[in-house]
Amino acid sequence: MTGERSSAQPQPPTCLVGRDVLLGDVVSPAPEVTVRVASAADVPALMELEARYYVGNLDPADLADGFLSVLHPAQWFLDTVADGGLHVAEIGGGVVGFIAVTPPPSLVDPRLGPITRVVVELAQVLEFRGTPIARRRWALRGPVLIDRAARGRGVYTAFNELTRAAYRGRYDVGVLFVAADNPRSLHTTTTKLRAEALAEFEVDGRRYHFLAYSFDSRDDESAPT
């Protein structure tokens, strides 16, 4: 993630705790789950969690439950934390998931990975719901990861609703990618987030879907089904 950061940017909501706690129009997860803005102290745990679900580290039998296609260095996590673009989910004080929302990286950044590079290039030429993405305020969404032990407790929905509430004053459109051989993640992204697949691309022999969604969920009411 590159580019200057403005101190005037809106700050994201800081915390969701318990089923009965509401933050604007955000619905909280299960009572034992806390969702909050990440800090630099979380980075080691986040990197460990990401590495555990990286496609290259999983047994082939585990891929059907979803996987991550990219590993990020510590500096990426620290930069994302500094920008307020990272939220974590906790149970009992332990990190069980995270979601990142980041501004578009520069195509001249030598640290840009091949998959992210293609995603950024496609965002320059594709339209979402009749408008070029490049003409909108857009962000990269992801990675999004929830530990298997914490799934089914409303964390994914809380991530979606919290980040939409946190960033819709800053971004209009979010873009992301999902590996074509990761149907669980693709189904979750299209049905729960209401993201729309706009293109497919290939990197190093693996195919991916390019998807986009609106930060204002009210736009989904008029979206094609």
C-alpha atoms as a PDB file:
ATOM      1  CA  MET A   1       0.000   0.000   0.000  1.00  0.00           C
ATOM      2  CA  THR A   2       1.492   3.311  -1.065  1.00  0.00           C
ATOM      3  CA  GLY A   3       0.619   6.992  -1.267  1.00  0.00           C
ATOM      4  CA  GLU A   4       0.324   9.842   1.169  1.00  0.00           C
ATOM      5  CA  ARG A   5      -1.995   9.543   4.118  1.00  0.00           C
ATOM      6  CA  SER A   6      -4.117  12.456   5.281  1.00  0.00           C
ATOM      7  CA  SER A   7      -4.684  13.058   8.969  1.00  0.00           C
ATOM      8  CA  ALA A   8      -8.124  14.410   8.073  1.00  0.00           C
ATOM      9  CA  GLN A   9      -9.420  11.019   6.932  1.00  0.00           C
ATOM     10  CA  PRO A  10     -12.455   9.753   8.891  1.00  0.00           C
ATOM     11  CA  GLN A  11     -11.610   7.281  11.627  1.00  0.00           C
ATOM     12  CA  PRO A  12     -13.322   3.883  11.577  1.00  0.00           C
ATOM     13  CA  PRO A  13     -15.510   2.671  14.419  1.00  0.00           C
ATOM     14  CA  THR A  14     -13.391   1.127  17.137  1.00  0.00           C
ATOM     15  CA  CYS A  15     -15.293  -1.770  18.636  1.00  0.00           C
ATOM     16  CA  LEU A  16     -18.280  -4.103  18.532  1.00  0.00           C
ATOM     17  CA  VAL A  17     -18.947  -6.319  21.536  1.00  0.00           C
ATOM     18  CA  GLY A  18     -21.842  -8.691  22.116  1.00  0.00           C
ATOM     19  CA  ARG A  19     -25.131  -9.377  20.388  1.00  0.00           C
ATOM     20  CA  ASP A  20     -27.012  -6.409  21.833  1.00  0.00           C
ATOM     21  CA  VAL A  21     -24.476  -3.709  20.984  1.00  0.00           C
ATOM     22  CA  LEU A  22     -25.247  -1.606  17.919  1.00  0.00           C
ATOM     23  CA  LEU A  23     -23.013   0.905  16.152  1.00  0.00           C
ATOM     24  CA  GLY A  24     -25.056   2.989  13.733  1.00  0.00           C
ATOM     25  CA  ASP A  25     -26.637   0.411  11.431  1.00  0.00           C
ATOM     26  CA  VAL A  26     -24.022  -2.228  12.252  1.00  0.00           C
ATOM     27  CA  VAL A  27     -25.233  -5.575  13.597  1.00  0.00           C
ATOM     28  CA  SER A  28     -22.976  -7.125  16.227  1.00  0.00           C
ATOM     29  CA  PRO A  29     -21.674 -10.704  16.140  1.00  0.00           C
ATOM     30  CA  ALA A  30     -22.198 -13.365  18.816  1.00  0.00           C
ATOM     31  CA  PRO A  31     -21.809 -12.217  22.439  1.00  0.00           C
ATOM     32  CA  GLU A  32     -18.352 -13.708  22.900  1.00  0.00           C
ATOM     33  CA  VAL A  33     -16.917 -11.981  19.797  1.00  0.00           C
ATOM     34  CA  THR A  34     -15.260  -8.546  19.773  1.00  0.00           C
ATOM     35  CA  VAL A  35     -14.530  -6.725  16.504  1.00  0.00           C
ATOM     36  CA  ARG A  36     -12.197  -3.746  16.749  1.00  0.00           C
ATOM     37  CA  VAL A  37      -9.658  -1.677  14.834  1.00  0.00           C
ATOM     38  CA  ALA A  38      -6.293  -3.443  14.734  1.00  0.00           C
ATOM     39  CA  SER A  39      -3.138  -2.113  16.346  1.00  0.00           C
ATOM     40  CA  ALA A  40       0.531  -2.724  15.611  1.00  0.00           C
ATOM     41  CA  ALA A  41       0.609  -5.164  18.526  1.00  0.00           C
ATOM     42  CA  ASP A  42      -1.772  -7.443  16.571  1.00  0.00           C
ATOM     43  CA  VAL A  43       0.535  -7.841  13.568  1.00  0.00           C
ATOM     44  CA  PRO A  44       2.404 -11.004  14.676  1.00  0.00           C
ATOM     45  CA  ALA A  45      -0.872 -12.819  15.368  1.00  0.00           C
ATOM     46  CA  LEU A  46      -2.347 -11.637  12.070  1.00  0.00           C
ATOM     47  CA  MET A  47       0.669 -12.832  10.110  1.00  0.00           C
ATOM     48  CA  GLU A  48       0.527 -16.217  11.841  1.00  0.00           C
ATOM     49  CA  LEU A  49      -3.180 -16.560  11.073  1.00  0.00           C
ATOM     50  CA  GLU A  50      -2.681 -15.549   7.441  1.00  0.00           C
ATOM     51  CA  ALA A  51       0.187 -18.016   6.986  1.00  0.00           C
ATOM     52  CA  ARG A  52      -1.945 -20.808   8.438  1.00  0.00           C
ATOM     53  CA  TYR A  53      -4.584 -20.353   5.729  1.00  0.00           C
ATOM     54  CA  TYR A  54      -2.270 -19.565   2.816  1.00  0.00           C
ATOM     55  CA  VAL A  55      -2.931 -21.917  -0.103  1.00  0.00           C
ATOM     56  CA  GLY A  56       0.687 -23.036  -0.221  1.00  0.00           C
ATOM     57  CA  ASN A  57       0.615 -24.121   3.428  1.00  0.00           C
ATOM     58  CA  LEU A  58      -2.651 -26.087   3.412  1.00  0.00           C
ATOM     59  CA  ASP A  59      -3.229 -29.758   2.835  1.00  0.00           C
ATOM     60  CA  PRO A  60      -5.167 -30.227  -0.438  1.00  0.00           C
ATOM     61  CA  ALA A  61      -8.009 -31.785   1.547  1.00  0.00           C
ATOM     62  CA  ASP A  62      -8.475 -28.514   3.434  1.00  0.00           C
ATOM     63  CA  LEU A  63      -8.766 -26.236   0.401  1.00  0.00           C
ATOM     64  CA  ALA A  64     -12.517 -26.773   0.077  1.00  0.00           C
ATOM     65  CA  ASP A  65     -13.023 -24.791   3.298  1.00  0.00           C
ATOM     66  CA  GLY A  66     -11.465 -21.686   1.711  1.00  0.00           C
ATOM     67  CA  PHE A  67      -7.941 -20.338   1.497  1.00  0.00           C
ATOM     68  CA  LEU A  68      -5.869 -17.208   0.949  1.00  0.00           C
ATOM     69  CA  SER A  69      -3.912 -16.660  -2.262  1.00  0.00           C
ATOM     70  CA  VAL A  70      -1.435 -14.018  -1.044  1.00  0.00           C
ATOM     71  CA  LEU A  71       0.919 -13.654   1.916  1.00  0.00           C
ATOM     72  CA  HIS A  72       1.651 -10.104   3.076  1.00  0.00           C
ATOM     73  CA  PRO A  73       4.871  -8.872   4.713  1.00  0.00           C
ATOM     74  CA  ALA A  74       4.925  -7.286   8.148  1.00  0.00           C
ATOM     75  CA  GLN A  75       5.313  -3.804   6.657  1.00  0.00           C
ATOM     76  CA  TRP A  76       2.049  -4.181   4.734  1.00  0.00           C
ATOM     77  CA  PHE A  77       0.223  -4.972   7.965  1.00  0.00           C
ATOM     78  CA  LEU A  78       1.871  -2.060   9.766  1.00  0.00           C
ATOM     79  CA  ASP A  79       1.016   0.356   6.941  1.00  0.00           C
ATOM     80  CA  THR A  80      -2.578  -0.851   6.878  1.00  0.00           C
ATOM     81  CA  VAL A  81      -2.883  -0.483  10.648  1.00  0.00           C
ATOM     82  CA  ALA A  82      -1.473   3.060  10.430  1.00  0.00           C
ATOM     83  CA  ASP A  83      -4.086   3.919   7.799  1.00  0.00           C
ATOM     84  CA  GLY A  84      -6.942   2.578   9.955  1.00  0.00           C
ATOM     85  CA  GLY A  85      -7.744  -0.043   7.331  1.00  0.00           C
ATOM     86  CA  LEU A  86      -7.556  -3.213   9.406  1.00  0.00           C
ATOM     87  CA  HIS A  87     -10.147  -4.678  11.763  1.00  0.00           C
ATOM     88  CA  VAL A  88      -9.756  -7.819  13.855  1.00  0.00           C
ATOM     89  CA  ALA A  89     -12.160 -10.228  15.541  1.00  0.00           C
ATOM     90  CA  GLU A  90     -11.325 -11.603  18.984  1.00  0.00           C
ATOM     91  CA  ILE A  91     -12.687 -14.352  21.187  1.00  0.00           C
ATOM     92  CA  GLY A  92     -11.361 -14.513  24.723  1.00  0.00           C
ATOM     93  CA  GLY A  93      -8.602 -12.053  23.874  1.00  0.00           C
ATOM     94  CA  GLY A  94      -7.281 -14.153  20.989  1.00  0.00           C
ATOM     95  CA  VAL A  95      -7.407 -12.974  17.368  1.00  0.00           C
ATOM     96  CA  VAL A  96      -9.670 -15.226  15.274  1.00  0.00           C
ATOM     97  CA  GLY A  97     -10.042 -13.165  12.112  1.00  0.00           C
ATOM     98  CA  PHE A  98      -9.329  -9.947  10.277  1.00  0.00           C
ATOM     99  CA  ILE A  99     -10.422  -7.820   7.325  1.00  0.00           C
ATOM    100  CA  ALA A 100      -8.455  -5.201   5.406  1.00  0.00           C
ATOM    101  CA  VAL A 101      -9.746  -2.251   3.363  1.00  0.00           C
ATOM    102  CA  THR A 102      -6.978  -0.262   1.688  1.00  0.00           C
ATOM    103  CA  PRO A 103      -6.637   2.528  -0.868  1.00  0.00           C
ATOM    104  CA  PRO A 104      -5.521   1.551  -4.382  1.00  0.00           C
ATOM    105  CA  PRO A 105      -1.773   0.906  -4.553  1.00  0.00           C
ATOM    106  CA  SER A 106       0.378   2.496  -7.220  1.00  0.00           C
ATOM    107  CA  LEU A 107       1.170   0.360 -10.245  1.00  0.00           C
ATOM    108  CA  VAL A 108       4.784   1.574 -10.085  1.00  0.00           C
ATOM    109  CA  ASP A 109       5.243   0.222  -6.558  1.00  0.00           C
ATOM    110  CA  PRO A 110       7.900  -2.535  -6.871  1.00  0.00           C
ATOM    111  CA  ARG A 111       6.357  -4.337  -3.871  1.00  0.00           C
ATOM    112  CA  LEU A 112       3.093  -4.924  -5.734  1.00  0.00           C
ATOM    113  CA  GLY A 113       2.402  -8.626  -6.165  1.00  0.00           C
ATOM    114  CA  PRO A 114       1.318 -10.058  -9.533  1.00  0.00           C
ATOM    115  CA  ILE A 115      -2.277 -10.797  -8.514  1.00  0.00           C
ATOM    116  CA  THR A 116      -2.857  -7.388  -6.962  1.00  0.00           C
ATOM    117  CA  ARG A 117      -1.244  -5.740  -9.986  1.00  0.00           C
ATOM    118  CA  VAL A 118      -3.785  -7.329 -12.330  1.00  0.00           C
ATOM    119  CA  VAL A 119      -6.642  -6.352 -10.000  1.00  0.00           C
ATOM    120  CA  VAL A 120      -5.512  -2.717 -10.040  1.00  0.00           C
ATOM    121  CA  GLU A 121      -5.122  -2.785 -13.834  1.00  0.00           C
ATOM    122  CA  LEU A 122      -8.626  -4.209 -14.261  1.00  0.00           C
ATOM    123  CA  ALA A 123     -10.042  -1.536 -11.963  1.00  0.00           C
ATOM    124  CA  GLN A 124      -8.768   1.050 -14.444  1.00  0.00           C
ATOM    125  CA  VAL A 125     -10.842  -0.358 -17.322  1.00  0.00           C
ATOM    126  CA  LEU A 126     -13.912  -2.127 -15.900  1.00  0.00           C
ATOM    127  CA  GLU A 127     -17.318  -0.676 -15.084  1.00  0.00           C
ATOM    128  CA  PHE A 128     -19.438  -1.450 -12.045  1.00  0.00           C
ATOM    129  CA  ARG A 129     -23.173  -0.893 -12.362  1.00  0.00           C
ATOM    130  CA  GLY A 130     -22.745   1.358 -15.373  1.00  0.00           C
ATOM    131  CA  THR A 131     -19.922   3.580 -14.097  1.00  0.00           C
ATOM    132  CA  PRO A 132     -16.166   3.121 -14.631  1.00  0.00           C
ATOM    133  CA  ILE A 133     -14.572   2.030 -11.375  1.00  0.00           C
ATOM    134  CA  ALA A 134     -11.662   4.395 -12.014  1.00  0.00           C
ATOM    135  CA  ARG A 135     -14.059   7.356 -11.834  1.00  0.00           C
ATOM    136  CA  ARG A 136     -15.278   6.324  -8.396  1.00  0.00           C
ATOM    137  CA  ARG A 137     -13.582   6.412  -5.027  1.00  0.00           C
ATOM    138  CA  TRP A 138     -12.522   2.793  -4.803  1.00  0.00           C
ATOM    139  CA  ALA A 139     -10.645   0.572  -2.385  1.00  0.00           C
ATOM    140  CA  LEU A 140      -9.144  -2.887  -2.258  1.00  0.00           C
ATOM    141  CA  ARG A 141     -10.965  -5.271   0.076  1.00  0.00           C
ATOM    142  CA  GLY A 142      -9.039  -8.124   1.547  1.00  0.00           C
ATOM    143  CA  PRO A 143      -7.713 -10.304   2.740  1.00  0.00           C
ATOM    144  CA  VAL A 144     -10.698 -11.387   4.799  1.00  0.00           C
ATOM    145  CA  LEU A 145     -10.033 -14.322   7.080  1.00  0.00           C
ATOM    146  CA  ILE A 146     -11.963 -16.046   9.850  1.00  0.00           C
ATOM    147  CA  ASP A 147     -10.475 -18.987  11.711  1.00  0.00           C
ATOM    148  CA  ARG A 148     -12.489 -22.179  11.295  1.00  0.00           C
ATOM    149  CA  ALA A 149     -13.180 -22.322  15.035  1.00  0.00           C
ATOM    150  CA  ALA A 150     -14.888 -18.897  14.885  1.00  0.00           C
ATOM    151  CA  ARG A 151     -17.050 -19.439  11.808  1.00  0.00           C
ATOM    152  CA  GLY A 152     -20.810 -19.451  12.160  1.00  0.00           C
ATOM    153  CA  ARG A 153     -20.780 -16.758  14.864  1.00  0.00           C
ATOM    154  CA  GLY A 154     -21.683 -13.755  12.712  1.00  0.00           C
ATOM    155  CA  VAL A 155     -18.136 -12.496  12.256  1.00  0.00           C
ATOM    156  CA  TYR A 156     -18.299 -12.260   8.458  1.00  0.00           C
ATOM    157  CA  THR A 157     -21.556 -10.297   8.530  1.00  0.00           C
ATOM    158  CA  ALA A 158     -20.162  -8.021  11.230  1.00  0.00           C
ATOM    159  CA  PHE A 159     -17.032  -7.446   9.142  1.00  0.00           C
ATOM    160  CA  ASN A 160     -19.161  -6.527   6.117  1.00  0.00           C
ATOM    161  CA  GLU A 161     -21.466  -4.155   7.938  1.00  0.00           C
ATOM    162  CA  LEU A 162     -18.794  -2.522  10.101  1.00  0.00           C
ATOM    163  CA  THR A 163     -16.454  -1.802   7.189  1.00  0.00           C
ATOM    164  CA  ARG A 164     -19.285  -0.444   5.078  1.00  0.00           C
ATOM    165  CA  ALA A 165     -20.263   1.896   7.897  1.00  0.00           C
ATOM    166  CA  ALA A 166     -16.647   2.826   8.580  1.00  0.00           C
ATOM    167  CA  TYR A 167     -15.534   3.582   5.030  1.00  0.00           C
ATOM    168  CA  ARG A 168     -18.538   4.593   2.942  1.00  0.00           C
ATOM    169  CA  GLY A 169     -17.696   8.246   3.541  1.00  0.00           C
ATOM    170  CA  ARG A 170     -14.269   7.557   2.071  1.00  0.00           C
ATOM    171  CA  TYR A 171     -14.977   4.998  -0.695  1.00  0.00           C
ATOM    172  CA  ASP A 172     -17.810   4.243  -3.104  1.00  0.00           C
ATOM    173  CA  VAL A 173     -16.723   0.889  -4.517  1.00  0.00           C
ATOM    174  CA  GLY A 174     -14.705  -1.999  -3.167  1.00  0.00           C
ATOM    175  CA  VAL A 175     -12.864  -4.433  -5.429  1.00  0.00           C
ATOM    176  CA  LEU A 176     -11.493  -7.847  -4.577  1.00  0.00           C
ATOM    177  CA  PHE A 177     -10.424 -11.144  -6.069  1.00  0.00           C
ATOM    178  CA  VAL A 178     -11.269 -14.764  -5.306  1.00  0.00           C
ATOM    179  CA  ALA A 179      -9.542 -17.813  -6.768  1.00  0.00           C
ATOM    180  CA  ALA A 180     -11.771 -19.674  -9.215  1.00  0.00           C
ATOM    181  CA  ASP A 181     -11.053 -22.934  -7.392  1.00  0.00           C
ATOM    182  CA  ASN A 182     -12.221 -21.442  -4.079  1.00  0.00           C
ATOM    183  CA  PRO A 183     -16.009 -21.843  -4.473  1.00  0.00           C
ATOM    184  CA  ARG A 184     -16.750 -21.462  -0.759  1.00  0.00           C
ATOM    185  CA  SER A 185     -15.262 -17.970  -0.651  1.00  0.00           C
ATOM    186  CA  LEU A 186     -16.840 -17.019  -3.977  1.00  0.00           C
ATOM    187  CA  HIS A 187     -20.292 -18.091  -2.794  1.00  0.00           C
ATOM    188  CA  THR A 188     -19.949 -16.209   0.497  1.00  0.00           C
ATOM    189  CA  THR A 189     -18.729 -13.074  -1.256  1.00  0.00           C
ATOM    190  CA  THR A 190     -21.512 -12.981  -3.825  1.00  0.00           C
ATOM    191  CA  THR A 191     -24.388 -13.944  -1.517  1.00  0.00           C
ATOM    192  CA  LYS A 192     -23.512 -12.163   1.749  1.00  0.00           C
ATOM    193  CA  LEU A 193     -21.491  -9.190   0.521  1.00  0.00           C
ATOM    194  CA  ARG A 194     -23.531  -8.929  -2.716  1.00  0.00           C
ATOM    195  CA  ALA A 195     -20.327  -8.492  -4.709  1.00  0.00           C
ATOM    196  CA  GLU A 196     -20.601  -8.949  -8.470  1.00  0.00           C
ATOM    197  CA  ALA A 197     -18.107 -10.882 -10.586  1.00  0.00           C
ATOM    198  CA  LEU A 198     -17.003  -8.617 -13.439  1.00  0.00           C
ATOM    199  CA  ALA A 199     -14.084 -10.481 -15.020  1.00  0.00           C
ATOM    200  CA  GLU A 200     -11.758 -13.468 -14.788  1.00  0.00           C
ATOM    201  CA  PHE A 201      -7.988 -13.408 -15.065  1.00  0.00           C
ATOM    202  CA  GLU A 202      -5.049 -15.779 -14.752  1.00  0.00           C
ATOM    203  CA  VAL A 203      -1.770 -15.461 -12.852  1.00  0.00           C
ATOM    204  CA  ASP A 204       0.843 -18.236 -12.778  1.00  0.00           C
ATOM    205  CA  GLY A 205      -1.603 -20.803 -14.076  1.00  0.00           C
ATOM    206  CA  ARG A 206      -4.358 -20.124 -11.507  1.00  0.00           C
ATOM    207  CA  ARG A 207      -7.580 -18.375 -12.446  1.00  0.00           C
ATOM    208  CA  TYR A 208      -9.265 -15.675 -10.360  1.00  0.00           C
ATOM    209  CA  HIS A 209     -12.531 -13.751 -10.311  1.00  0.00           C
ATOM    210  CA  PHE A 210     -12.460  -9.944 -10.139  1.00  0.00           C
ATOM    211  CA  LEU A 211     -15.435  -8.689  -8.108  1.00  0.00           C
ATOM    212  CA  ALA A 212     -16.812  -5.333  -7.015  1.00  0.00           C
ATOM    213  CA  TYR A 213     -19.387  -4.177  -4.487  1.00  0.00           C
ATOM    214  CA  SER A 214     -20.868  -0.929  -3.189  1.00  0.00           C
ATOM    215  CA  PHE A 215     -19.959   0.491   0.203  1.00  0.00           C
ATOM    216  CA  ASP A 216     -23.528   1.781   0.413  1.00  0.00           C
ATOM    217  CA  SER A 217     -25.670  -1.326   0.837  1.00  0.00           C
ATOM    218  CA  ARG A 218     -28.726   0.653  -0.278  1.00  0.00           C
ATOM    219  CA  ASP A 219     -27.318   0.447  -3.803  1.00  0.00           C
ATOM    220  CA  ASP A 220     -27.827  -3.314  -3.686  1.00  0.00           C
ATOM    221  CA  GLU A 221     -31.599  -2.854  -3.703  1.00  0.00           C
ATOM    222  CA  SER A 222     -31.503  -1.676  -7.320  1.00  0.00           C
ATOM    223  CA  ALA A 223     -28.723  -4.039  -8.417  1.00  0.00           C
ATOM    224  CA  PRO A 224     -29.458  -6.825 -10.926  1.00  0.00           C
ATOM    225  CA  THR A 225     -30.129 -10.243  -9.415  1.00  0.00           C
END
